[in-house]
Amino acid sequence: MTVRVRIAPSPTGNLHIGTARTAVFNWLFARHHGGKFILRIEDTDLERSRPEYTDNILEGLTWLGLTWDEGPIYQTQRFDIYREKIQTLLDQGLAYRAYDTPEELEAMREAQKSSGQAPRYDNRHRNLTSEQQAAFEAEGRTAVIRFKIDDDREIAWNDLVRGTVTWKGRDLGGDMVIARAASASDIGQPLYNFVVVVDDIDMQISHVIRGEDHIGNTPKQILLYEALGATVPQFGHTPLILNQAGAKLSKRDGVTSISDFRRMGYTPEAIGNYMTLLGWSPPEGMTEIFNLSEAAQAFSFDRVNKAGAKFDWDKLNWLNSQYLHKMPIDQLTDLLIPYWQAASFKTDWTAQRPWLEQLTALIAPSLTRLEDAVAMSRYLFIPKVEFTEEATKKLQQDGSGAIVQGILAATQQQESLDETSAANLLKQVAKDLGRKEGQLKPILRVALTGDTRGPDLIQSWLLLHQKGWDRDRLQNALVVAK
């Protein structure tokens, strides 16, 4: 068998991390078996689908490195095919037109509710005579198309993740609507469960890998595969991604779309790595840090968990930091520049490239997300800094003014500054003031940066010196210091 899998997002919103994780599992499975990964856009929800969401989905999958072998295929371009298949089911007596009004359906549900029954369609229009149909049509009623479901039928499949799963036909809610209401001679818009099956048949999908929230659709779809005379694919229902409270991750939890993670400064490598770990356990001897190609070599469904996978921000942040810390400085600089630009920092981004790479090297060991670079480096992009309350107290301690004055005087006698000369300068000023060098550095830091904490002091000083801002900072600090 040639493995053929698909990811089929709906463009009614941005690419959700749950959909992206499903895409990752499909891609890993296809690559592990040398199969095909197919992209299908399920855009039949005409009211909510938007081109910008389709663009977001394509961009997100591309950013993650999930290249597809076929597609994108759009369902809205296949309506004629779906209607032809529905007509086939009608001709074979496997589907029928149901003329119930919304009011009649509501009354049926209320009656079931009052008698303690689960809501379901009671199949009342399954065996209408031609005279009854004609009477309904004469009233001007529209008709949905319903697919017949045998209540006594048992539907079972061997799930790649969950083993044997069994459903009873009577638990599927009665005969299933497969096309929206339309006039008597027409077939309305085909619906999800039906069009998915037709697509998977036409695209020769061998394995349907999706989230467990779709598991209730599977028995209905198996019946449709059989009705259409097709081979039923294998199914695998992956665990949901949960928040820390154990509920399904949703928009209420804040960040859920891939574009959100991208904007916050997570790398595609870290996101892909982390999503793979959300529900899959690497085999013994394999580290937790891997790229998707490495994961594909080891991927199998016997290591996919049944239980939901809790989203762990600390784990994701740690993974992302590992990728950032190992990234070449020139590559990391390329990724940081857009964040600095978005923060309205000003510099000549081309001419100042060497300075920017020095800055990147300074903050790289402390980065967790690319977005962190803005706060960490702000003091290096602005001519004058405001002093934090803690920094002001530090400058106003007795003796701080003398330290600032001593360093300023020494820098005015120093034509150029490098790591060695800066260290020697501090030693000399400490000696002249009768202080320890360690007493000077905290004062120098707050004078130069406006804060008591930050990246390496000497390297920060050198970067400010290259801009000619270090002496101005020291002068400003003298105004505050005692």
Protein backbone atom coordinates (compact mmCIF):
# COMPACT_ATOMS: atom_id res chain seq x y z
CA MET A 1 0.00 0.00 0.00
CA THR A 2 1.19 3.51 -0.82
CA VAL A 3 0.63 5.73 2.19
CA ARG A 4 -1.42 8.78 1.28
CA VAL A 5 -2.50 11.14 4.05
CA ARG A 6 -4.03 14.59 4.08
CA ILE A 7 -4.41 17.67 6.20
CA ALA A 8 -7.73 19.39 5.57
CA PRO A 9 -8.01 22.71 7.41
CA SER A 10 -11.07 24.93 7.20
CA PRO A 11 -10.28 28.58 6.33
CA THR A 12 -12.66 29.97 8.93
CA GLY A 13 -9.80 31.16 11.12
CA ASN A 14 -6.03 31.27 11.34
CA LEU A 15 -4.03 28.04 11.45
CA HIS A 16 -4.70 26.64 14.95
CA ILE A 17 -1.97 24.81 16.83
CA GLY A 18 -4.24 21.75 17.05
CA THR A 19 -4.62 21.65 13.27
CA ALA A 20 -0.90 22.25 12.86
CA ARG A 21 -0.08 19.38 15.24
CA THR A 22 -2.38 17.13 13.19
CA ALA A 23 -0.53 18.27 10.07
CA VAL A 24 2.80 17.43 11.73
CA PHE A 25 1.67 13.89 12.60
CA ASN A 26 0.37 13.33 9.06
CA TRP A 27 3.59 14.68 7.56
CA LEU A 28 5.77 12.54 9.84
CA PHE A 29 3.76 9.41 9.02
CA ALA A 30 3.93 10.08 5.27
CA ARG A 31 7.66 10.76 5.31
CA HIS A 32 8.36 7.73 7.51
CA HIS A 33 6.66 5.47 4.95
CA GLY A 34 7.81 7.30 1.83
CA GLY A 35 4.22 8.29 1.12
CA LYS A 36 2.36 11.41 0.03
CA PHE A 37 1.17 14.36 2.14
CA ILE A 38 -1.80 16.12 0.56
CA LEU A 39 -3.24 19.55 1.38
CA ARG A 40 -6.98 20.06 1.04
CA ILE A 41 -8.79 23.28 1.91
CA GLU A 42 -12.25 22.50 3.29
CA ASP A 43 -13.92 25.80 2.37
CA THR A 44 -17.53 24.66 2.08
CA ASP A 45 -18.55 26.96 4.96
CA LEU A 46 -19.19 29.80 2.54
CA GLU A 47 -20.30 32.28 5.20
CA ARG A 48 -17.22 31.99 7.42
CA SER A 49 -14.44 31.06 4.99
CA ARG A 50 -12.08 33.91 4.10
CA PRO A 51 -9.19 34.13 1.59
CA GLU A 52 -6.99 35.71 4.26
CA TYR A 53 -7.45 32.62 6.44
CA THR A 54 -6.45 30.40 3.53
CA ASP A 55 -3.32 32.52 3.08
CA ASN A 56 -2.58 32.25 6.80
CA ILE A 57 -2.90 28.45 6.68
CA LEU A 58 -0.61 28.11 3.66
CA GLU A 59 1.95 30.49 5.16
CA GLY A 60 1.87 28.72 8.51
CA LEU A 61 2.38 25.24 7.07
CA THR A 62 5.19 26.54 4.87
CA TRP A 63 6.83 28.30 7.82
CA LEU A 64 6.77 25.05 9.77
CA GLY A 65 8.46 23.25 6.88
CA LEU A 66 5.48 20.97 6.15
CA THR A 67 5.82 20.79 2.39
CA TRP A 68 2.90 19.08 0.66
CA ASP A 69 3.12 16.75 -2.32
CA GLU A 70 -0.29 17.51 -3.83
CA GLY A 71 -2.68 20.44 -3.51
CA PRO A 72 -3.96 22.69 -2.26
CA ILE A 73 -7.29 21.23 -3.41
CA TYR A 74 -10.37 23.37 -2.72
CA GLN A 75 -13.70 21.75 -1.93
CA THR A 76 -15.68 24.68 -3.37
CA GLN A 77 -14.35 23.70 -6.79
CA ARG A 78 -15.83 20.20 -6.44
CA PHE A 79 -19.53 20.83 -5.67
CA ASP A 80 -20.64 19.21 -8.94
CA ILE A 81 -18.79 16.02 -8.03
CA TYR A 82 -20.43 15.89 -4.59
CA ARG A 83 -23.92 16.42 -6.02
CA GLU A 84 -23.35 13.69 -8.58
CA LYS A 85 -22.43 11.24 -5.79
CA ILE A 86 -25.47 12.27 -3.76
CA GLN A 87 -27.68 11.64 -6.76
CA THR A 88 -26.16 8.18 -7.02
CA LEU A 89 -27.17 7.44 -3.42
CA LEU A 90 -30.67 8.76 -4.12
CA ASP A 91 -30.97 6.54 -7.19
CA GLN A 92 -29.83 3.51 -5.20
CA GLY A 93 -32.33 4.16 -2.42
CA LEU A 94 -29.56 4.76 0.12
CA ALA A 95 -30.57 8.40 0.63
CA TYR A 96 -33.84 10.31 0.43
CA ARG A 97 -35.40 13.74 0.52
CA ALA A 98 -36.78 14.86 3.90
CA TYR A 99 -39.25 17.75 3.93
CA ASP A 100 -39.47 18.48 7.67
CA THR A 101 -39.88 22.12 8.59
CA PRO A 102 -37.69 23.68 11.32
CA GLU A 103 -40.79 23.90 13.52
CA GLU A 104 -41.54 20.19 13.09
CA LEU A 105 -37.96 19.25 13.92
CA GLU A 106 -38.01 21.43 17.03
CA ALA A 107 -41.29 19.89 18.18
CA MET A 108 -39.80 16.43 17.68
CA ARG A 109 -36.76 17.32 19.79
CA GLU A 110 -38.90 18.82 22.55
CA ALA A 111 -41.06 15.68 22.68
CA GLN A 112 -37.96 13.50 22.94
CA LYS A 113 -36.51 15.73 25.64
CA SER A 114 -39.72 15.65 27.70
CA SER A 115 -39.77 11.85 27.56
CA GLY A 116 -36.11 11.56 28.55
CA GLN A 117 -34.86 10.45 25.14
CA ALA A 118 -31.67 11.61 23.49
CA PRO A 119 -32.35 14.03 20.61
CA ARG A 120 -32.29 12.29 17.24
CA TYR A 121 -34.07 12.30 13.91
CA ASP A 122 -36.82 9.67 13.96
CA ASN A 123 -36.52 8.94 10.23
CA ARG A 124 -40.16 9.91 9.69
CA HIS A 125 -39.65 10.84 6.03
CA ARG A 126 -37.54 7.81 5.10
CA ASN A 127 -40.35 5.96 3.33
CA LEU A 128 -42.54 8.71 1.91
CA THR A 129 -44.72 7.74 -1.02
CA SER A 130 -44.51 9.70 -4.23
CA GLU A 131 -47.92 11.18 -3.39
CA GLN A 132 -46.69 12.39 0.02
CA GLN A 133 -43.60 13.92 -1.57
CA ALA A 134 -45.72 15.67 -4.17
CA ALA A 135 -47.97 17.06 -1.43
CA PHE A 136 -45.03 18.49 0.49
CA GLU A 137 -43.64 20.01 -2.69
CA ALA A 138 -47.00 21.53 -3.51
CA GLU A 139 -46.82 23.28 -0.13
CA GLY A 140 -43.54 24.83 -1.28
CA ARG A 141 -41.46 22.89 1.18
CA THR A 142 -37.72 22.49 0.60
CA ALA A 143 -35.95 19.20 1.26
CA VAL A 144 -32.65 18.17 2.79
CA ILE A 145 -31.00 14.95 1.64
CA ARG A 146 -30.65 12.33 4.36
CA PHE A 147 -28.48 9.21 4.27
CA LYS A 148 -30.06 6.07 5.70
CA ILE A 149 -28.45 4.66 8.84
CA ASP A 150 -29.39 1.21 10.10
CA ASP A 151 -29.99 1.44 13.86
CA ASP A 152 -29.07 -2.23 14.29
CA ARG A 153 -25.75 -1.89 12.51
CA GLU A 154 -22.53 -2.14 14.53
CA ILE A 155 -19.64 -0.10 13.13
CA ALA A 156 -16.12 -1.01 14.27
CA TRP A 157 -12.60 -0.09 13.23
CA ASN A 158 -9.09 -0.69 14.49
CA ASP A 159 -7.87 2.78 15.40
CA LEU A 160 -4.14 3.44 15.00
CA VAL A 161 -4.09 5.11 18.41
CA ARG A 162 -7.05 3.70 20.34
CA GLY A 163 -7.29 0.12 19.17
CA THR A 164 -10.74 -1.34 18.49
CA VAL A 165 -13.51 1.25 18.56
CA THR A 166 -17.16 0.24 18.22
CA TRP A 167 -20.33 2.28 17.67
CA LYS A 168 -23.96 1.33 17.36
CA GLY A 169 -25.99 2.70 14.48
CA ARG A 170 -28.72 3.76 16.90
CA ASP A 171 -26.27 6.10 18.62
CA LEU A 172 -25.60 8.19 15.50
CA GLY A 173 -28.66 10.43 15.76
CA GLY A 174 -30.86 8.95 13.08
CA ASP A 175 -30.57 9.32 9.32
CA MET A 176 -27.83 11.84 8.55
CA VAL A 177 -28.25 15.05 6.57
CA ILE A 178 -25.71 15.08 3.74
CA ALA A 179 -27.03 18.11 1.81
CA ARG A 180 -28.69 21.30 2.94
CA ALA A 181 -32.29 22.16 2.08
CA ALA A 182 -33.09 22.99 -1.53
CA SER A 183 -36.11 22.95 -3.82
CA ALA A 184 -37.54 19.58 -4.68
CA SER A 185 -35.67 19.15 -7.95
CA ASP A 186 -32.32 20.35 -6.61
CA ILE A 187 -29.62 19.07 -4.29
CA GLY A 188 -28.55 21.64 -1.75
CA GLN A 189 -25.03 22.37 -0.55
CA PRO A 190 -23.31 19.08 0.36
CA LEU A 191 -22.22 18.85 4.00
CA TYR A 192 -18.98 18.02 5.78
CA ASN A 193 -19.29 14.32 6.54
CA PHE A 194 -20.24 13.53 2.97
CA VAL A 195 -17.78 15.72 1.07
CA VAL A 196 -14.88 14.53 3.24
CA VAL A 197 -15.57 10.94 2.26
CA VAL A 198 -15.89 11.74 -1.45
CA ASP A 199 -12.62 13.69 -1.35
CA ASP A 200 -10.77 10.95 0.51
CA ILE A 201 -11.98 8.37 -2.00
CA ASP A 202 -10.99 10.47 -5.01
CA MET A 203 -7.61 11.31 -3.47
CA GLN A 204 -7.01 7.67 -2.54
CA ILE A 205 -6.34 8.53 1.09
CA SER A 206 -5.02 5.44 2.84
CA HIS A 207 -4.93 6.77 6.42
CA VAL A 208 -7.13 9.43 8.01
CA ILE A 209 -5.15 10.93 10.91
CA ARG A 210 -6.98 13.60 12.89
CA GLY A 211 -7.87 14.78 16.40
CA GLU A 212 -10.05 12.71 18.69
CA ASP A 213 -12.75 15.40 18.54
CA HIS A 214 -13.58 13.92 15.10
CA ILE A 215 -14.05 10.39 16.40
CA GLY A 216 -17.86 10.74 16.44
CA ASN A 217 -17.80 11.42 12.69
CA THR A 218 -15.89 8.26 11.88
CA PRO A 219 -18.73 5.67 12.10
CA LYS A 220 -20.93 7.87 9.89
CA GLN A 221 -18.13 8.22 7.37
CA ILE A 222 -17.40 4.49 7.35
CA LEU A 223 -21.04 3.89 6.38
CA LEU A 224 -20.67 6.41 3.56
CA TYR A 225 -17.48 4.75 2.27
CA GLU A 226 -19.35 1.47 2.11
CA ALA A 227 -22.38 3.03 0.43
CA LEU A 228 -20.14 4.54 -2.23
CA GLY A 229 -18.46 1.18 -2.83
CA ALA A 230 -15.03 2.36 -1.65
CA THR A 231 -12.31 0.81 0.50
CA VAL A 232 -12.44 2.23 4.03
CA PRO A 233 -9.12 3.88 5.02
CA GLN A 234 -7.40 3.28 8.32
CA PHE A 235 -8.22 5.81 11.02
CA GLY A 236 -6.07 7.27 13.77
CA HIS A 237 -7.45 9.73 16.31
CA THR A 238 -4.75 11.69 18.08
CA PRO A 239 -5.08 13.15 21.60
CA LEU A 240 -6.34 16.68 22.03
CA ILE A 241 -4.08 19.52 23.15
CA LEU A 242 -5.23 20.61 26.61
CA ASN A 243 -4.66 23.68 28.75
CA GLN A 244 -3.29 23.41 32.28
CA ALA A 245 -6.81 22.91 33.64
CA GLY A 246 -7.22 19.84 31.45
CA ALA A 247 -9.73 21.42 29.05
CA LYS A 248 -9.31 21.60 25.29
CA LEU A 249 -6.97 24.46 24.35
CA SER A 250 -9.07 27.30 22.97
CA LYS A 251 -8.97 30.99 22.14
CA ARG A 252 -9.80 31.71 25.78
CA ASP A 253 -6.33 30.46 26.63
CA GLY A 254 -4.79 33.30 24.63
CA VAL A 255 -2.29 32.24 22.03
CA THR A 256 -3.55 29.36 19.88
CA SER A 257 -2.67 30.14 16.25
CA ILE A 258 0.64 29.45 14.59
CA SER A 259 0.87 33.10 13.51
CA ASP A 260 0.60 34.11 17.19
CA PHE A 261 3.51 31.87 18.12
CA ARG A 262 5.47 33.17 15.16
CA ARG A 263 4.83 36.80 16.14
CA MET A 264 5.96 36.14 19.71
CA GLY A 265 9.31 34.95 18.45
CA TYR A 266 9.18 31.17 18.50
CA THR A 267 11.18 29.47 15.77
CA PRO A 268 9.53 27.00 13.38
CA GLU A 269 12.05 24.37 14.48
CA ALA A 270 11.04 24.73 18.14
CA ILE A 271 7.31 24.76 17.38
CA GLY A 272 7.60 21.69 15.14
CA ASN A 273 9.73 19.93 17.74
CA TYR A 274 7.33 20.76 20.56
CA MET A 275 4.17 19.85 18.65
CA THR A 276 5.66 16.44 17.89
CA LEU A 277 6.14 15.91 21.62
CA LEU A 278 2.51 16.88 22.27
CA GLY A 279 1.16 13.36 22.20
CA TRP A 280 4.16 11.37 20.90
CA SER A 281 7.01 9.92 22.93
CA PRO A 282 10.43 9.56 21.27
CA PRO A 283 11.94 6.06 21.41
CA GLU A 284 14.58 5.31 24.01
CA GLY A 285 17.93 6.87 23.16
CA MET A 286 16.44 9.73 21.13
CA THR A 287 16.85 13.21 22.61
CA GLU A 288 13.92 15.61 23.00
CA ILE A 289 15.55 18.08 20.64
CA PHE A 290 15.16 17.01 17.01
CA ASN A 291 14.09 18.33 13.65
CA LEU A 292 11.08 17.00 11.78
CA SER A 293 13.15 14.89 9.41
CA GLU A 294 14.78 13.15 12.37
CA ALA A 295 11.38 12.64 14.00
CA ALA A 296 10.00 11.16 10.78
CA GLN A 297 12.61 8.40 10.86
CA ALA A 298 11.42 7.30 14.31
CA PHE A 299 7.71 8.13 14.10
CA SER A 300 5.10 5.43 14.69
CA PHE A 301 1.62 5.40 16.14
CA ASP A 302 2.44 2.87 18.82
CA ARG A 303 4.18 5.74 20.63
CA VAL A 304 1.26 8.17 20.30
CA ASN A 305 -0.55 8.60 23.61
CA LYS A 306 -4.27 8.13 24.11
CA ALA A 307 -4.52 10.73 26.87
CA GLY A 308 -4.76 14.44 26.09
CA ALA A 309 -1.49 16.36 25.91
CA LYS A 310 -1.21 19.35 28.27
CA PHE A 311 0.37 22.40 26.74
CA ASP A 312 3.47 23.33 28.76
CA TRP A 313 4.74 26.86 28.15
CA ASP A 314 7.90 26.25 30.18
CA LYS A 315 8.82 23.28 28.01
CA LEU A 316 8.18 25.21 24.80
CA ASN A 317 10.21 28.18 26.06
CA TRP A 318 13.09 25.91 27.00
CA LEU A 319 13.06 24.24 23.59
CA ASN A 320 12.95 27.58 21.81
CA SER A 321 15.86 28.90 23.84
CA GLN A 322 17.93 25.87 22.87
CA TYR A 323 17.41 26.61 19.18
CA LEU A 324 18.14 30.30 19.61
CA HIS A 325 21.31 29.71 21.63
CA LYS A 326 22.72 27.38 18.98
CA MET A 327 21.79 29.54 16.01
CA PRO A 328 24.59 31.22 14.01
CA ILE A 329 24.84 34.91 14.89
CA ASP A 330 24.25 36.14 11.33
CA GLN A 331 21.09 34.04 11.03
CA LEU A 332 19.83 35.13 14.44
CA THR A 333 20.49 38.78 13.56
CA ASP A 334 18.34 38.40 10.45
CA LEU A 335 15.49 37.14 12.64
CA LEU A 336 15.88 39.88 15.26
CA ILE A 337 15.99 42.87 12.93
CA PRO A 338 12.23 42.77 12.15
CA TYR A 339 11.47 42.86 15.89
CA TRP A 340 13.74 45.87 16.42
CA GLN A 341 12.16 47.58 13.43
CA ALA A 342 8.65 46.84 14.70
CA ALA A 343 9.65 48.50 17.99
CA SER A 344 10.54 51.65 15.98
CA PHE A 345 14.22 51.44 16.88
CA LYS A 346 16.31 53.57 14.54
CA THR A 347 19.62 52.71 12.96
CA ASP A 348 21.11 52.07 9.54
CA TRP A 349 20.25 48.40 9.30
CA THR A 350 22.75 47.79 6.51
CA ALA A 351 25.71 49.98 7.48
CA GLN A 352 25.39 49.04 11.15
CA ARG A 353 25.30 45.31 10.45
CA PRO A 354 28.60 44.56 12.31
CA TRP A 355 27.30 46.48 15.35
CA LEU A 356 23.99 44.60 15.17
CA GLU A 357 25.77 41.26 15.09
CA GLN A 358 27.79 42.27 18.16
CA LEU A 359 24.53 43.15 19.88
CA THR A 360 23.02 39.82 18.87
CA ALA A 361 26.03 37.96 20.27
CA LEU A 362 25.62 39.91 23.52
CA ILE A 363 21.96 39.01 24.13
CA ALA A 364 21.76 35.60 22.40
CA PRO A 365 22.64 33.53 25.50
CA SER A 366 19.73 35.12 27.39
CA LEU A 367 17.04 34.88 24.71
CA THR A 368 14.01 32.67 25.22
CA ARG A 369 11.95 34.16 22.39
CA LEU A 370 12.94 36.52 19.59
CA GLU A 371 10.51 39.06 21.00
CA ASP A 372 12.63 39.26 24.17
CA ALA A 373 15.32 41.11 22.22
CA VAL A 374 13.28 44.32 22.22
CA ALA A 375 13.24 44.82 25.98
CA MET A 376 16.76 43.43 26.42
CA SER A 377 18.36 45.79 23.93
CA ARG A 378 16.23 48.96 24.09
CA TYR A 379 18.92 50.86 26.02
CA LEU A 380 21.33 50.33 23.12
CA PHE A 381 19.05 51.92 20.52
CA ILE A 382 18.10 55.13 22.31
CA PRO A 383 20.48 58.06 23.00
CA LYS A 384 19.20 58.69 26.54
CA VAL A 385 17.77 56.29 29.12
CA GLU A 386 15.46 56.86 32.05
CA PHE A 387 16.70 55.51 35.37
CA THR A 388 14.61 52.93 37.19
CA GLU A 389 13.79 53.62 40.81
CA GLU A 390 16.32 51.01 41.89
CA ALA A 391 18.97 52.53 39.61
CA THR A 392 18.31 56.01 40.97
CA LYS A 393 18.80 54.79 44.54
CA LYS A 394 22.06 53.15 43.49
CA LEU A 395 23.35 56.39 41.96
CA GLN A 396 22.35 58.42 45.01
CA GLN A 397 24.37 56.31 47.42
CA ASP A 398 27.33 58.03 48.97
CA GLY A 399 30.36 57.78 46.74
CA SER A 400 28.48 56.95 43.55
CA GLY A 401 29.09 60.40 42.11
CA ALA A 402 32.82 60.05 42.58
CA ILE A 403 32.78 56.74 40.78
CA VAL A 404 30.84 58.13 37.84
CA GLN A 405 33.10 61.19 37.71
CA GLY A 406 36.21 59.05 37.81
CA ILE A 407 35.07 56.77 34.98
CA LEU A 408 33.96 59.76 32.89
CA ALA A 409 37.28 61.49 33.31
CA ALA A 410 39.14 58.35 32.36
CA THR A 411 37.06 57.82 29.20
CA GLN A 412 37.71 61.37 28.10
CA GLN A 413 41.41 60.54 28.07
CA GLN A 414 40.81 57.30 26.16
CA GLU A 415 40.66 57.73 22.37
CA SER A 416 39.37 54.24 21.65
CA LEU A 417 37.91 51.49 23.75
CA ASP A 418 38.04 47.73 23.46
CA GLU A 419 37.51 44.89 25.89
CA THR A 420 41.04 45.02 27.24
CA SER A 421 41.31 48.80 27.55
CA ALA A 422 37.87 49.02 29.17
CA ALA A 423 38.85 46.47 31.80
CA ASN A 424 42.15 48.27 32.44
CA LEU A 425 40.35 51.60 32.72
CA LEU A 426 38.09 50.25 35.46
CA LYS A 427 41.05 48.82 37.33
CA GLN A 428 42.86 52.14 37.21
CA VAL A 429 39.83 54.16 38.37
CA ALA A 430 39.24 51.70 41.22
CA LYS A 431 42.87 52.09 42.26
CA ASP A 432 42.72 55.90 42.06
CA LEU A 433 39.55 55.97 44.21
CA GLY A 434 40.79 53.38 46.65
CA ARG A 435 37.87 51.14 45.78
CA LYS A 436 37.46 47.56 44.67
CA GLU A 437 36.66 47.05 40.99
CA GLY A 438 33.51 45.19 42.00
CA GLN A 439 32.22 48.35 43.63
CA LEU A 440 32.51 50.30 40.39
CA LYS A 441 30.68 47.94 38.05
CA PRO A 442 27.16 48.23 39.56
CA ILE A 443 27.41 52.03 39.40
CA LEU A 444 28.74 51.96 35.85
CA ARG A 445 25.89 49.63 34.81
CA VAL A 446 23.11 51.88 36.08
CA ALA A 447 24.84 54.96 34.60
CA LEU A 448 25.07 53.37 31.16
CA THR A 449 21.84 51.35 31.03
CA GLY A 450 19.47 52.98 33.51
CA ASP A 451 18.92 49.63 35.24
CA THR A 452 20.63 47.41 37.79
CA ARG A 453 20.39 44.28 35.62
CA GLY A 454 21.16 43.48 32.01
CA PRO A 455 23.54 41.79 29.59
CA ASP A 456 27.32 41.73 29.99
CA LEU A 457 28.48 45.16 31.22
CA ILE A 458 31.72 45.53 29.29
CA GLN A 459 30.16 44.44 26.00
CA SER A 460 27.26 46.85 26.57
CA TRP A 461 29.75 49.64 27.23
CA LEU A 462 31.64 48.90 24.02
CA LEU A 463 28.43 48.96 21.96
CA LEU A 464 27.44 52.31 23.46
CA HIS A 465 30.96 53.62 22.94
CA GLN A 466 30.77 52.79 19.23
CA LYS A 467 27.70 55.04 19.03
CA GLY A 468 29.41 57.75 21.09
CA TRP A 469 26.73 57.52 23.75
CA ASP A 470 28.71 56.28 26.75
CA ARG A 471 30.07 59.67 27.82
CA ASP A 472 26.65 61.30 27.48
CA ARG A 473 25.18 58.57 29.66
CA LEU A 474 27.86 59.16 32.30
CA GLN A 475 27.21 62.92 32.21
CA ASN A 476 23.48 62.35 32.71
CA ALA A 477 24.17 60.01 35.59
CA LEU A 478 26.25 62.70 37.31
CA VAL A 479 23.14 64.86 37.54
CA VAL A 480 21.41 62.16 39.59
CA ALA A 481 24.40 60.86 41.54
CA LYS A 482 25.75 62.16 44.81
